[in-house]
Amino acid sequence: MQLDSSIAAVVTGGASGLGAATARRLAGHGVKVALFDLQSDLGERVAGEIGGAFCKVDVTSEAEVEAGFAQARRVHGQERILVNCAGTGNAFKTAGRDKESGEIRHFPLDAFERIIQINLIGTFRCIARSAAGMLTLPALEDGERGAIVNTASVAAQDGQMGQAAYSASKAGIVGLTLPVARDLMDAGIRVNTILPGIFDTPLLARAPERVKAGLAASVPFPKRLGRPEEYAALAELMIANGYFNGESVRLDGAIRMAPR
């Protein structure tokens, strides 16, 4: 797919981090980008800087996702690109004793469900809605109508203690990548997924410097945190290379996460 001003894109989680970097990279090629996010101030700012559109969207809401796509399409037309970066995490052990009180506790099921709703179901909700719209587009070279890039995590394959919900949600994204690519093959819509390692995003920015330094040192090579621009570069490759389909690719400096 040739990236230029004839192409529209939607990036979920586009107000910051991996999503913002991807939105900037696509806009740099002239692509008309709409950002879905809950952070209105950041979203409006990034959209203004790249000449895009901001849509306040909670990906767990069917109504908000529908309204977001309708708004984006009114401004830019039907998108040929969807990049799913919206997501979050938490940390609870499946079961254990409190170190001080000795009380036995288990992972709160509402907290588990929330992560699945945002990361996994929210991603699939946007895929299904966007793909349905892409079906209305005329085919490009090789019969292509669109490209979708999802965001999983290395935790999908080597999740750490406390990451049962997060790892399950991200493993679900990896698991749906190939079947969805097969579902959409006759429509000319490609689907790929990136599994980022430890990236320097706003979520990690709140951690103490010693913690970030320790994480960077744990990466085999290069010994640093990943940069959002590196994620964006891989997302662009997956979109532009028409033979890239049905793949889930780690982007992690060769790290394999320890149990804790």
Protein backbone atom coordinates (compact mmCIF):
# COMPACT_ATOMS: atom_id res chain seq x y z
CA MET A 1 0.00 0.00 0.00
CA GLN A 2 1.35 3.37 -1.02
CA LEU A 3 1.09 5.78 1.89
CA ASP A 4 -0.10 9.22 0.79
CA SER A 5 -2.95 11.69 1.14
CA SER A 6 -5.37 9.36 -0.64
CA ILE A 7 -5.27 7.03 2.39
CA ALA A 8 -7.12 7.45 5.69
CA ALA A 9 -6.15 5.75 8.95
CA VAL A 10 -7.52 5.24 12.45
CA VAL A 11 -5.10 4.77 15.35
CA THR A 12 -6.57 3.72 18.69
CA GLY A 13 -4.67 4.84 21.76
CA GLY A 14 -3.31 7.53 19.48
CA ALA A 15 -2.91 10.32 22.04
CA SER A 16 0.39 9.08 23.45
CA GLY A 17 3.09 6.42 23.38
CA LEU A 18 3.10 3.85 20.60
CA GLY A 19 -0.12 5.15 19.09
CA ALA A 20 1.02 8.77 18.89
CA ALA A 21 4.35 7.74 17.32
CA THR A 22 2.50 5.69 14.71
CA ALA A 23 0.05 8.49 13.98
CA ARG A 24 2.93 10.91 13.47
CA ARG A 25 4.75 8.51 11.16
CA LEU A 26 1.69 7.88 8.99
CA ALA A 27 0.86 11.60 8.85
CA GLY A 28 4.43 12.23 7.75
CA HIS A 29 3.57 10.40 4.54
CA GLY A 30 0.45 12.50 4.06
CA VAL A 31 -1.97 9.91 5.44
CA LYS A 32 -5.13 11.40 6.97
CA VAL A 33 -5.11 10.13 10.56
CA ALA A 34 -7.90 9.99 13.13
CA LEU A 35 -6.97 9.29 16.75
CA PHE A 36 -9.21 7.33 19.14
CA ASP A 37 -8.42 7.91 22.80
CA LEU A 38 -9.90 8.89 26.16
CA GLN A 39 -7.27 11.59 26.80
CA SER A 40 -8.93 14.59 25.19
CA ASP A 41 -6.23 17.19 25.88
CA LEU A 42 -3.38 15.03 24.57
CA GLY A 43 -5.45 13.70 21.70
CA GLU A 44 -6.48 17.15 20.50
CA ARG A 45 -2.87 18.32 20.77
CA VAL A 46 -1.42 15.45 18.73
CA ALA A 47 -4.22 15.72 16.17
CA GLY A 48 -3.53 19.44 15.80
CA GLU A 49 0.19 18.85 15.33
CA ILE A 50 -0.28 16.26 12.57
CA GLY A 51 -3.31 17.81 10.88
CA GLY A 52 -5.48 14.91 11.95
CA ALA A 53 -8.75 14.43 13.81
CA PHE A 54 -9.38 13.43 17.41
CA CYS A 55 -12.32 11.26 18.47
CA LYS A 56 -12.94 10.60 22.15
CA VAL A 57 -13.56 6.86 22.24
CA ASP A 58 -13.71 4.20 24.93
CA VAL A 59 -12.98 0.95 23.07
CA THR A 60 -15.07 -1.02 25.58
CA SER A 61 -18.18 0.83 24.40
CA GLU A 62 -19.90 -0.38 21.24
CA ALA A 63 -21.73 2.95 20.89
CA GLU A 64 -18.57 5.06 21.29
CA VAL A 65 -16.58 2.94 18.83
CA GLU A 66 -19.40 3.19 16.28
CA ALA A 67 -19.64 6.95 16.78
CA GLY A 68 -15.84 7.32 16.57
CA PHE A 69 -15.61 5.56 13.22
CA ALA A 70 -18.56 7.58 11.91
CA GLN A 71 -16.87 10.82 12.98
CA ALA A 72 -13.50 9.84 11.50
CA ARG A 73 -15.11 8.85 8.20
CA ARG A 74 -17.04 12.10 7.96
CA VAL A 75 -13.76 13.98 8.21
CA HIS A 76 -11.37 11.76 6.23
CA GLY A 77 -13.45 9.18 4.42
CA GLN A 78 -13.34 5.42 4.91
CA GLU A 79 -10.05 4.29 6.47
CA ARG A 80 -7.80 1.76 4.73
CA ILE A 81 -5.55 1.48 7.81
CA LEU A 82 -6.36 0.56 11.40
CA VAL A 83 -3.67 0.44 14.08
CA ASN A 84 -4.84 -0.81 17.48
CA CYS A 85 -2.70 0.60 20.31
CA ALA A 86 -5.37 1.18 22.98
CA GLY A 87 -4.65 -0.94 26.04
CA THR A 88 -3.70 -1.08 29.68
CA GLY A 89 -2.56 -3.50 32.37
CA ASN A 90 -2.69 -4.42 36.03
CA ALA A 91 -0.93 -6.78 38.41
CA PHE A 92 -2.44 -9.24 40.90
CA LYS A 93 -1.31 -12.70 41.89
CA THR A 94 -3.84 -15.40 41.08
CA ALA A 95 -4.00 -16.32 44.77
CA GLY A 96 -1.80 -15.84 47.80
CA ARG A 97 -1.45 -14.67 51.38
CA ASP A 98 -1.05 -11.06 52.41
CA LYS A 99 2.48 -10.69 53.79
CA GLU A 100 1.34 -8.66 56.78
CA SER A 101 -2.08 -10.00 57.71
CA GLY A 102 -1.79 -13.54 56.37
CA GLU A 103 -5.20 -13.14 54.73
CA ILE A 104 -5.71 -15.28 51.64
CA ARG A 105 -6.72 -13.28 48.58
CA HIS A 106 -7.28 -14.02 44.89
CA PHE A 107 -7.18 -12.00 41.70
CA PRO A 108 -10.30 -9.76 41.72
CA LEU A 109 -12.39 -11.07 38.84
CA ASP A 110 -13.75 -7.64 37.95
CA ALA A 111 -10.15 -6.44 37.51
CA PHE A 112 -9.39 -9.46 35.32
CA GLU A 113 -12.47 -8.85 33.19
CA ARG A 114 -11.67 -5.15 32.77
CA ILE A 115 -8.31 -5.92 31.13
CA ILE A 116 -9.89 -8.48 28.80
CA GLN A 117 -12.59 -5.98 27.87
CA ILE A 118 -10.12 -3.21 27.03
CA ASN A 119 -7.20 -5.08 25.48
CA LEU A 120 -8.79 -8.05 23.77
CA ILE A 121 -12.46 -7.33 23.15
CA GLY A 122 -11.76 -3.64 22.51
CA THR A 123 -9.19 -4.58 19.88
CA PHE A 124 -11.53 -7.05 18.18
CA ARG A 125 -14.43 -4.59 18.32
CA CYS A 126 -12.37 -2.05 16.37
CA ILE A 127 -11.12 -4.70 13.93
CA ALA A 128 -14.63 -5.88 13.10
CA ARG A 129 -16.04 -2.37 12.74
CA SER A 130 -13.13 -1.16 10.59
CA ALA A 131 -13.02 -4.25 8.38
CA ALA A 132 -16.73 -3.93 7.65
CA GLY A 133 -16.08 -0.39 6.44
CA MET A 134 -13.05 -1.44 4.38
CA LEU A 135 -15.27 -3.87 2.46
CA THR A 136 -16.92 -0.85 0.82
CA LEU A 137 -13.63 0.38 -0.67
CA PRO A 138 -12.44 -0.28 -4.21
CA ALA A 139 -9.50 -2.66 -4.39
CA LEU A 140 -5.97 -1.39 -4.90
CA GLU A 141 -3.10 -3.28 -6.53
CA ASP A 142 -3.21 -7.05 -5.80
CA GLY A 143 -6.82 -6.64 -4.71
CA GLU A 144 -5.89 -4.97 -1.42
CA ARG A 145 -8.51 -2.97 0.47
CA GLY A 146 -6.88 -2.39 3.83
CA ALA A 147 -4.32 -3.25 6.47
CA ILE A 148 -4.75 -3.76 10.21
CA VAL A 149 -1.98 -3.77 12.81
CA ASN A 150 -2.65 -4.87 16.38
CA THR A 151 -0.59 -4.45 19.55
CA ALA A 152 0.02 -7.43 21.79
CA SER A 153 3.04 -7.76 24.10
CA VAL A 154 5.91 -10.13 24.81
CA ALA A 155 3.81 -10.94 27.90
CA ALA A 156 1.60 -12.92 25.51
CA GLN A 157 4.39 -15.50 25.44
CA ASP A 158 6.36 -14.98 28.67
CA GLY A 159 4.13 -13.17 31.12
CA GLN A 160 5.43 -12.42 34.58
CA MET A 161 3.95 -12.99 38.02
CA GLY A 162 0.80 -10.95 38.48
CA GLN A 163 0.17 -10.64 34.74
CA ALA A 164 -2.49 -13.32 34.29
CA ALA A 165 -5.08 -10.90 32.93
CA TYR A 166 -2.65 -8.83 30.89
CA SER A 167 -0.94 -11.87 29.39
CA ALA A 168 -4.27 -13.55 28.63
CA SER A 169 -5.54 -10.44 26.87
CA LYS A 170 -2.40 -10.08 24.77
CA ALA A 171 -2.19 -13.79 24.00
CA GLY A 172 -5.78 -13.50 22.76
CA ILE A 173 -4.71 -10.82 20.30
CA VAL A 174 -1.93 -13.07 19.01
CA GLY A 175 -4.42 -15.94 18.79
CA LEU A 176 -6.93 -14.02 16.71
CA THR A 177 -4.39 -12.61 14.24
CA LEU A 178 -4.20 -15.56 11.83
CA PRO A 179 -7.90 -16.54 11.89
CA VAL A 180 -8.96 -12.93 11.32
CA ALA A 181 -6.44 -12.62 8.47
CA ARG A 182 -8.02 -15.75 6.99
CA ASP A 183 -11.53 -14.40 7.54
CA LEU A 184 -10.61 -11.26 5.62
CA MET A 185 -8.40 -12.74 2.90
CA ASP A 186 -11.12 -12.71 0.23
CA ALA A 187 -11.77 -9.04 1.02
CA GLY A 188 -8.11 -8.11 0.50
CA ILE A 189 -7.58 -6.96 4.11
CA ARG A 190 -4.32 -7.93 5.81
CA VAL A 191 -3.91 -8.37 9.57
CA ASN A 192 -0.67 -8.42 11.57
CA THR A 193 0.32 -8.01 15.21
CA ILE A 194 3.34 -6.53 17.00
CA LEU A 195 4.52 -7.88 20.36
CA PRO A 196 6.50 -5.02 21.93
CA GLY A 197 9.00 -5.62 24.71
CA ILE A 198 9.88 -2.94 27.26
CA PHE A 199 9.21 0.42 25.62
CA ASP A 200 9.75 3.96 26.85
CA THR A 201 6.11 5.04 26.96
CA PRO A 202 4.18 7.36 29.31
CA LEU A 203 3.05 4.31 31.32
CA LEU A 204 6.67 3.47 32.12
CA ALA A 205 7.68 7.11 32.57
CA ARG A 206 6.15 7.10 36.05
CA ALA A 207 8.62 4.45 37.22
CA PRO A 208 11.75 5.53 39.16
CA GLU A 209 14.90 5.99 37.09
CA ARG A 210 16.62 3.07 38.85
CA VAL A 211 13.75 0.80 37.83
CA LYS A 212 13.92 1.94 34.22
CA ALA A 213 17.71 1.50 34.22
CA GLY A 214 17.32 -2.04 35.52
CA LEU A 215 14.77 -2.86 32.85
CA ALA A 216 17.01 -1.44 30.13
CA ALA A 217 19.96 -3.50 31.40
CA SER A 218 17.86 -6.68 31.16
CA VAL A 219 17.52 -6.32 27.38
CA PRO A 220 20.14 -8.47 25.58
CA PHE A 221 20.80 -5.92 22.83
CA PRO A 222 20.55 -3.03 22.49
CA LYS A 223 20.62 -2.45 26.25
CA ARG A 224 17.96 0.23 26.38
CA LEU A 225 14.23 0.63 26.34
CA GLY A 226 12.45 0.44 23.02
CA ARG A 227 11.50 3.71 21.38
CA PRO A 228 7.93 4.35 20.22
CA GLU A 229 9.35 5.39 16.84
CA GLU A 230 10.71 1.85 16.42
CA TYR A 231 7.26 0.42 16.95
CA ALA A 232 5.89 2.92 14.43
CA ALA A 233 8.51 1.88 11.87
CA LEU A 234 7.48 -1.78 12.14
CA ALA A 235 3.80 -0.85 11.92
CA GLU A 236 4.54 1.11 8.74
CA LEU A 237 6.40 -1.86 7.26
CA MET A 238 3.47 -4.18 8.01
CA ILE A 239 1.12 -1.73 6.32
CA ALA A 240 3.25 -0.94 3.27
CA ASN A 241 4.53 -4.44 2.49
CA GLY A 242 1.66 -6.20 0.73
CA TYR A 243 3.02 -9.69 1.44
CA PHE A 244 3.06 -9.17 5.21
CA ASN A 245 -0.04 -10.97 6.48
CA GLY A 246 -1.16 -13.13 9.39
CA GLU A 247 2.05 -12.57 11.36
CA SER A 248 2.73 -11.86 15.04
CA VAL A 249 6.21 -10.36 15.45
CA ARG A 250 8.19 -9.65 18.63
CA LEU A 251 9.94 -6.29 18.82
CA ASP A 252 11.93 -6.65 21.99
CA GLY A 253 15.74 -6.57 21.69
CA ALA A 254 15.71 -10.38 22.19
CA ILE A 255 14.41 -10.14 25.77
CA ARG A 256 12.72 -13.11 27.39
CA MET A 257 10.94 -12.03 30.54
CA ALA A 258 11.85 -13.63 33.85
CA PRO A 259 9.12 -14.80 36.25
CA ARG A 260 9.32 -11.50 38.15
